[in-house]
Amino acid sequence: MLNRVAVLSDIHGVLPALEAVLAEPDVAAADLIVLTGDIAAGPQPVEVLDVLAGLGDRVCWVGGNADRELVEARAGRAASIEVSNWAAGQLSDDHLTRLAALPLTVTLEIDGLGPVLFCHATPRDDEEVVLVDTRMERWAEVFAALPAEVTTVVCGHTHMPFTRLVDRRLVVNPGSIGMPYGGAGAWWALLGPGVHLRRTDFDVDAACARVAAESTFPDAAAWADEYLRSQHSDADALAVFAPRDGR
C-alpha cells in the first residue's frame, strides 16, 4: 500500500519544468512518482530521460503515444510532429529500449483510493481522447474491460487537469508538465488518501531561454515560446479535441 504518489504526465522533454516539479517537497517526499506517458518527445529528450532514470525505483513508468512514436520514428516510420522526429534521433539505444518496453497501464494500491489504474490516454489505447465533458456512454465504452475493483483511473494525454466521477469511478487527469493548455506552469497531481491537483510555478522566461540555449532542436526557441507560455487555452484545446471523443 502506497501512502503518497506524485503523478507527472506529458513532460514532453522539457527539463526546466520537470526540475521544478521534482523540487517540490511533496514530490520529493512521495513514496513513488508515476509517469503517465509522453515523457521525452520535446526539445530536451535525453536530459529528461537521464534525470528520471537517475531516480531509479522511485519512478514508475507508463507509456504514451509520443513515446511509442519516438521508437517508431527511429525505426523509419516518421512521426507527424517535427520535434518527435528530431528527438528520436537524439536517443541512445538504451533510451529506445526503455521506451519500447513501457507498459500501457499500471495498477497500484494507494491509501484511501484502493486499486488505481494509471494510463496515458485510456486503459485500452494510448491516443484515444476522453475529456472532462465526455458523455457517459463514451466513458462506459472506454472502461468496459476494467475490473470492478478499480475505482480510480488516472490518465493524461490531453494536457488539461480535471477530476470527475464516471458512474462511481473517479477519473483524474493531472494535466501536463511540459505542454500545458490553459495556463502556464507545470501541472501534476498528488494522490493519497485523496486527490490533489497541483500547479508548480517557475520562471517561464528563464525556462524558455534555457531551452533555446541548451537544445539543438532547430525550432527550440519557438517551441518553448508556444508551449511553455501556454499560448493555447483550455477552450482552444477542448474545441480541437472534442470531435475525437466520439461526440
Protein backbone atom coordinates (compact mmCIF):
# COMPACT_ATOMS: atom_id res chain seq x y z
CA MET A 1 0.00 0.00 0.00
CA LEU A 2 1.38 3.40 -1.03
CA ASN A 3 0.59 6.46 1.08
CA ARG A 4 1.51 9.25 -1.34
CA VAL A 5 2.02 9.09 -5.10
CA ALA A 6 3.02 12.03 -7.30
CA VAL A 7 1.73 11.80 -10.87
CA LEU A 8 3.65 13.54 -13.63
CA SER A 9 2.25 13.41 -17.15
CA ASP A 10 3.20 14.80 -20.55
CA ILE A 11 6.65 16.11 -19.65
CA HIS A 12 7.43 16.32 -23.37
CA GLY A 13 11.15 16.71 -22.98
CA VAL A 14 11.09 19.99 -21.01
CA LEU A 15 13.83 19.81 -18.41
CA PRO A 16 13.24 23.11 -16.52
CA ALA A 17 9.58 22.23 -15.91
CA LEU A 18 10.48 18.72 -14.76
CA GLU A 19 13.19 20.01 -12.41
CA ALA A 20 10.75 22.50 -10.87
CA VAL A 21 8.26 19.73 -10.07
CA LEU A 22 10.89 17.32 -8.77
CA ALA A 23 11.99 20.09 -6.37
CA GLU A 24 8.50 20.25 -4.82
CA PRO A 25 8.63 18.95 -1.22
CA ASP A 26 5.55 16.77 -1.76
CA VAL A 27 7.15 15.16 -4.80
CA ALA A 28 10.45 14.63 -3.03
CA ALA A 29 8.61 13.02 -0.11
CA ALA A 30 6.25 10.85 -2.18
CA ASP A 31 6.52 7.08 -1.92
CA LEU A 32 6.50 6.86 -5.71
CA ILE A 33 6.47 9.06 -8.80
CA VAL A 34 4.29 7.74 -11.62
CA LEU A 35 4.88 8.99 -15.15
CA THR A 36 1.78 8.69 -17.33
CA GLY A 37 3.39 8.93 -20.73
CA ASP A 38 4.67 11.35 -23.37
CA ILE A 39 7.89 11.72 -21.45
CA ALA A 40 10.62 12.60 -23.95
CA ALA A 41 9.07 13.95 -27.16
CA GLY A 42 10.26 17.51 -26.94
CA PRO A 43 13.34 19.74 -27.08
CA GLN A 44 15.39 18.06 -24.29
CA PRO A 45 14.64 14.34 -24.58
CA VAL A 46 17.98 12.93 -23.47
CA GLU A 47 18.26 15.22 -20.46
CA VAL A 48 14.75 14.40 -19.26
CA LEU A 49 15.15 10.65 -19.65
CA ASP A 50 18.51 10.68 -17.88
CA VAL A 51 17.19 12.67 -14.90
CA LEU A 52 14.22 10.32 -14.49
CA ALA A 53 16.33 7.18 -14.91
CA GLY A 54 18.63 8.52 -12.21
CA LEU A 55 15.75 8.37 -9.73
CA GLY A 56 15.74 4.59 -10.04
CA ASP A 57 12.96 2.68 -8.33
CA ARG A 58 11.30 5.87 -7.10
CA VAL A 59 9.78 6.19 -10.58
CA CYS A 60 7.13 4.00 -12.21
CA TRP A 61 6.94 4.46 -15.97
CA VAL A 62 3.81 4.19 -18.18
CA GLY A 63 4.00 4.65 -21.94
CA GLY A 64 2.24 7.23 -24.08
CA ASN A 65 1.64 7.59 -27.79
CA ALA A 66 4.53 10.04 -28.18
CA ASP A 67 6.93 7.59 -26.52
CA ARG A 68 5.80 4.87 -28.91
CA GLU A 69 6.17 7.26 -31.85
CA LEU A 70 9.79 8.01 -30.90
CA VAL A 71 10.60 4.32 -31.16
CA GLU A 72 8.72 4.05 -34.45
CA ALA A 73 10.44 7.13 -35.86
CA ARG A 74 13.83 5.70 -35.07
CA ALA A 75 12.79 2.54 -36.94
CA GLY A 76 11.90 4.57 -40.03
CA ARG A 77 8.22 5.43 -39.55
CA ALA A 78 8.21 9.23 -39.35
CA ALA A 79 6.08 10.93 -36.73
CA SER A 80 3.66 13.67 -37.71
CA ILE A 81 5.30 16.15 -35.31
CA GLU A 82 8.67 17.62 -36.25
CA VAL A 83 10.08 17.70 -32.74
CA SER A 84 9.39 13.97 -32.32
CA ASN A 85 11.39 13.06 -35.40
CA TRP A 86 14.26 15.21 -34.17
CA ALA A 87 14.04 13.81 -30.63
CA ALA A 88 14.07 10.23 -31.89
CA GLY A 89 17.43 10.88 -33.47
CA GLN A 90 18.93 12.10 -30.20
CA LEU A 91 18.19 8.99 -28.17
CA SER A 92 20.61 6.20 -27.38
CA ASP A 93 19.80 2.53 -27.86
CA ASP A 94 19.27 2.27 -24.09
CA HIS A 95 16.76 5.12 -24.19
CA LEU A 96 14.87 3.46 -27.01
CA THR A 97 14.88 0.09 -25.26
CA ARG A 98 13.35 1.68 -22.17
CA LEU A 99 10.66 3.49 -24.15
CA ALA A 100 9.81 0.41 -26.21
CA ALA A 101 9.21 -1.60 -23.03
CA LEU A 102 6.83 0.86 -21.34
CA PRO A 103 3.50 -0.70 -20.35
CA LEU A 104 0.12 0.64 -21.47
CA THR A 105 -1.21 0.54 -17.90
CA VAL A 106 -0.03 0.04 -14.33
CA THR A 107 -2.28 -0.60 -11.32
CA LEU A 108 -1.17 0.36 -7.80
CA GLU A 109 -2.82 0.20 -4.38
CA ILE A 110 -2.96 3.69 -2.84
CA ASP A 111 -4.15 4.67 0.61
CA GLY A 112 -7.71 6.00 0.51
CA LEU A 113 -8.20 5.21 -3.17
CA GLY A 114 -7.72 1.44 -3.41
CA PRO A 115 -6.54 -0.03 -6.73
CA VAL A 116 -5.67 2.88 -9.04
CA LEU A 117 -5.09 2.27 -12.74
CA PHE A 118 -2.62 4.58 -14.47
CA CYS A 119 -2.57 5.01 -18.24
CA HIS A 120 -1.70 7.67 -20.78
CA ALA A 121 -4.87 8.25 -22.79
CA THR A 122 -7.28 5.46 -21.84
CA PRO A 123 -6.77 1.97 -20.41
CA ARG A 124 -7.24 0.42 -23.84
CA ASP A 125 -5.44 2.85 -26.17
CA ASP A 126 -2.53 5.28 -25.87
CA GLU A 127 -4.03 8.02 -28.05
CA GLU A 128 -7.77 7.76 -27.51
CA VAL A 129 -9.38 11.02 -26.34
CA VAL A 130 -11.60 11.47 -23.31
CA LEU A 131 -12.33 14.88 -21.80
CA VAL A 132 -13.86 16.40 -18.70
CA ASP A 133 -17.18 16.75 -20.57
CA THR A 134 -17.11 13.43 -22.45
CA ARG A 135 -20.54 11.81 -22.40
CA MET A 136 -21.20 8.90 -20.05
CA GLU A 137 -21.80 6.40 -22.86
CA ARG A 138 -18.31 7.03 -24.21
CA TRP A 139 -16.75 6.52 -20.77
CA ALA A 140 -18.67 3.24 -20.44
CA GLU A 141 -17.13 2.02 -23.70
CA VAL A 142 -13.63 3.09 -22.68
CA PHE A 143 -13.87 1.42 -19.27
CA ALA A 144 -15.80 -1.69 -20.34
CA ALA A 145 -12.91 -4.09 -19.74
CA LEU A 146 -11.78 -2.66 -16.40
CA PRO A 147 -12.07 -4.85 -13.28
CA ALA A 148 -14.81 -3.64 -10.96
CA GLU A 149 -12.34 -3.20 -8.10
CA VAL A 150 -10.53 -0.41 -10.00
CA THR A 151 -12.43 2.62 -8.78
CA THR A 152 -9.89 5.29 -9.74
CA VAL A 153 -8.32 5.84 -13.17
CA VAL A 154 -5.52 8.34 -13.82
CA CYS A 155 -4.89 9.42 -17.39
CA GLY A 156 -3.06 12.20 -19.22
CA HIS A 157 -2.73 12.88 -22.96
CA THR A 158 -4.99 15.94 -23.31
CA HIS A 159 -2.81 18.29 -21.21
CA MET A 160 -5.73 19.68 -19.16
CA PRO A 161 -6.21 18.83 -15.46
CA PHE A 162 -9.55 17.62 -14.14
CA THR A 163 -11.26 15.26 -11.75
CA ARG A 164 -14.72 13.85 -12.28
CA LEU A 165 -16.91 10.89 -11.39
CA VAL A 166 -17.86 8.40 -14.08
CA ASP A 167 -20.56 6.06 -12.81
CA ARG A 168 -18.96 5.87 -9.32
CA ARG A 169 -15.43 5.62 -10.71
CA LEU A 170 -13.12 8.59 -10.09
CA VAL A 171 -11.17 9.84 -13.13
CA VAL A 172 -8.15 12.08 -12.68
CA ASN A 173 -6.10 13.93 -15.28
CA PRO A 174 -3.07 15.63 -13.67
CA GLY A 175 -2.52 17.98 -16.61
CA SER A 176 0.78 18.50 -18.40
CA ILE A 177 4.27 19.21 -17.10
CA GLY A 178 5.79 20.39 -20.38
CA MET A 179 2.96 21.45 -22.71
CA PRO A 180 0.13 22.87 -20.59
CA TYR A 181 -3.10 24.05 -22.18
CA GLY A 182 -4.98 26.71 -20.25
CA GLY A 183 -2.27 28.16 -18.04
CA ALA A 184 1.49 28.36 -17.72
CA GLY A 185 3.33 26.32 -15.10
CA ALA A 186 3.79 22.60 -14.59
CA TRP A 187 0.61 20.73 -13.69
CA TRP A 188 0.67 17.46 -11.74
CA ALA A 189 -1.28 15.53 -9.10
CA LEU A 190 -0.71 14.15 -5.62
CA LEU A 191 -2.68 11.01 -4.70
CA GLY A 192 -3.37 9.54 -1.28
CA PRO A 193 -5.58 9.49 0.66
CA GLY A 194 -7.41 11.97 -1.58
CA VAL A 195 -6.66 13.61 -4.92
CA HIS A 196 -4.94 16.98 -5.13
CA LEU A 197 -4.39 18.75 -8.45
CA ARG A 198 -1.26 20.89 -8.23
CA ARG A 199 0.50 23.54 -10.30
CA THR A 200 4.17 24.40 -9.92
CA ASP A 201 5.18 27.91 -10.92
CA PHE A 202 8.60 28.54 -12.39
CA ASP A 203 10.33 31.36 -14.24
CA VAL A 204 8.91 30.88 -17.72
CA ASP A 205 11.16 33.49 -19.32
CA ALA A 206 14.26 31.81 -17.89
CA ALA A 207 12.98 28.36 -18.88
CA CYS A 208 12.33 29.46 -22.47
CA ALA A 209 15.79 30.99 -22.67
CA ARG A 210 17.35 27.85 -21.26
CA VAL A 211 15.56 25.53 -23.67
CA ALA A 212 16.55 27.75 -26.59
CA ALA A 213 20.19 27.81 -25.46
CA GLU A 214 20.61 24.16 -24.46
CA SER A 215 18.54 22.30 -27.07
CA THR A 216 19.89 21.63 -30.55
CA PHE A 217 16.36 21.34 -31.95
CA PRO A 218 16.32 24.00 -34.72
CA ASP A 219 12.98 25.46 -33.62
CA ALA A 220 13.58 25.16 -29.87
CA ALA A 221 13.01 28.85 -29.14
CA ALA A 222 9.69 28.97 -30.98
CA TRP A 223 8.62 25.63 -29.48
CA ALA A 224 9.31 26.86 -25.96
CA ASP A 225 7.59 30.18 -26.59
CA GLU A 226 4.45 28.39 -27.76
CA TYR A 227 4.21 25.64 -25.18
CA LEU A 228 5.96 26.82 -22.02
CA ARG A 229 3.98 30.06 -22.20
CA SER A 230 0.76 28.04 -22.68
CA GLN A 231 -0.37 30.03 -25.67
CA HIS A 232 -3.23 27.57 -26.24
CA SER A 233 -6.15 27.97 -23.84
CA ASP A 234 -8.17 25.08 -22.48
CA ALA A 235 -11.12 26.36 -24.52
CA ASP A 236 -8.99 26.16 -27.67
CA ALA A 237 -7.80 22.67 -26.79
CA LEU A 238 -11.28 21.38 -25.97
CA ALA A 239 -12.57 22.65 -29.31
CA VAL A 240 -9.79 20.79 -31.15
CA PHE A 241 -10.06 17.57 -29.13
CA ALA A 242 -13.86 17.38 -28.88
CA PRO A 243 -14.50 15.70 -32.25
CA ARG A 244 -12.05 12.94 -31.32
CA ASP A 245 -14.05 11.77 -28.29
CA GLY A 246 -16.86 10.43 -30.43
CA ARG A 247 -19.40 13.14 -29.76
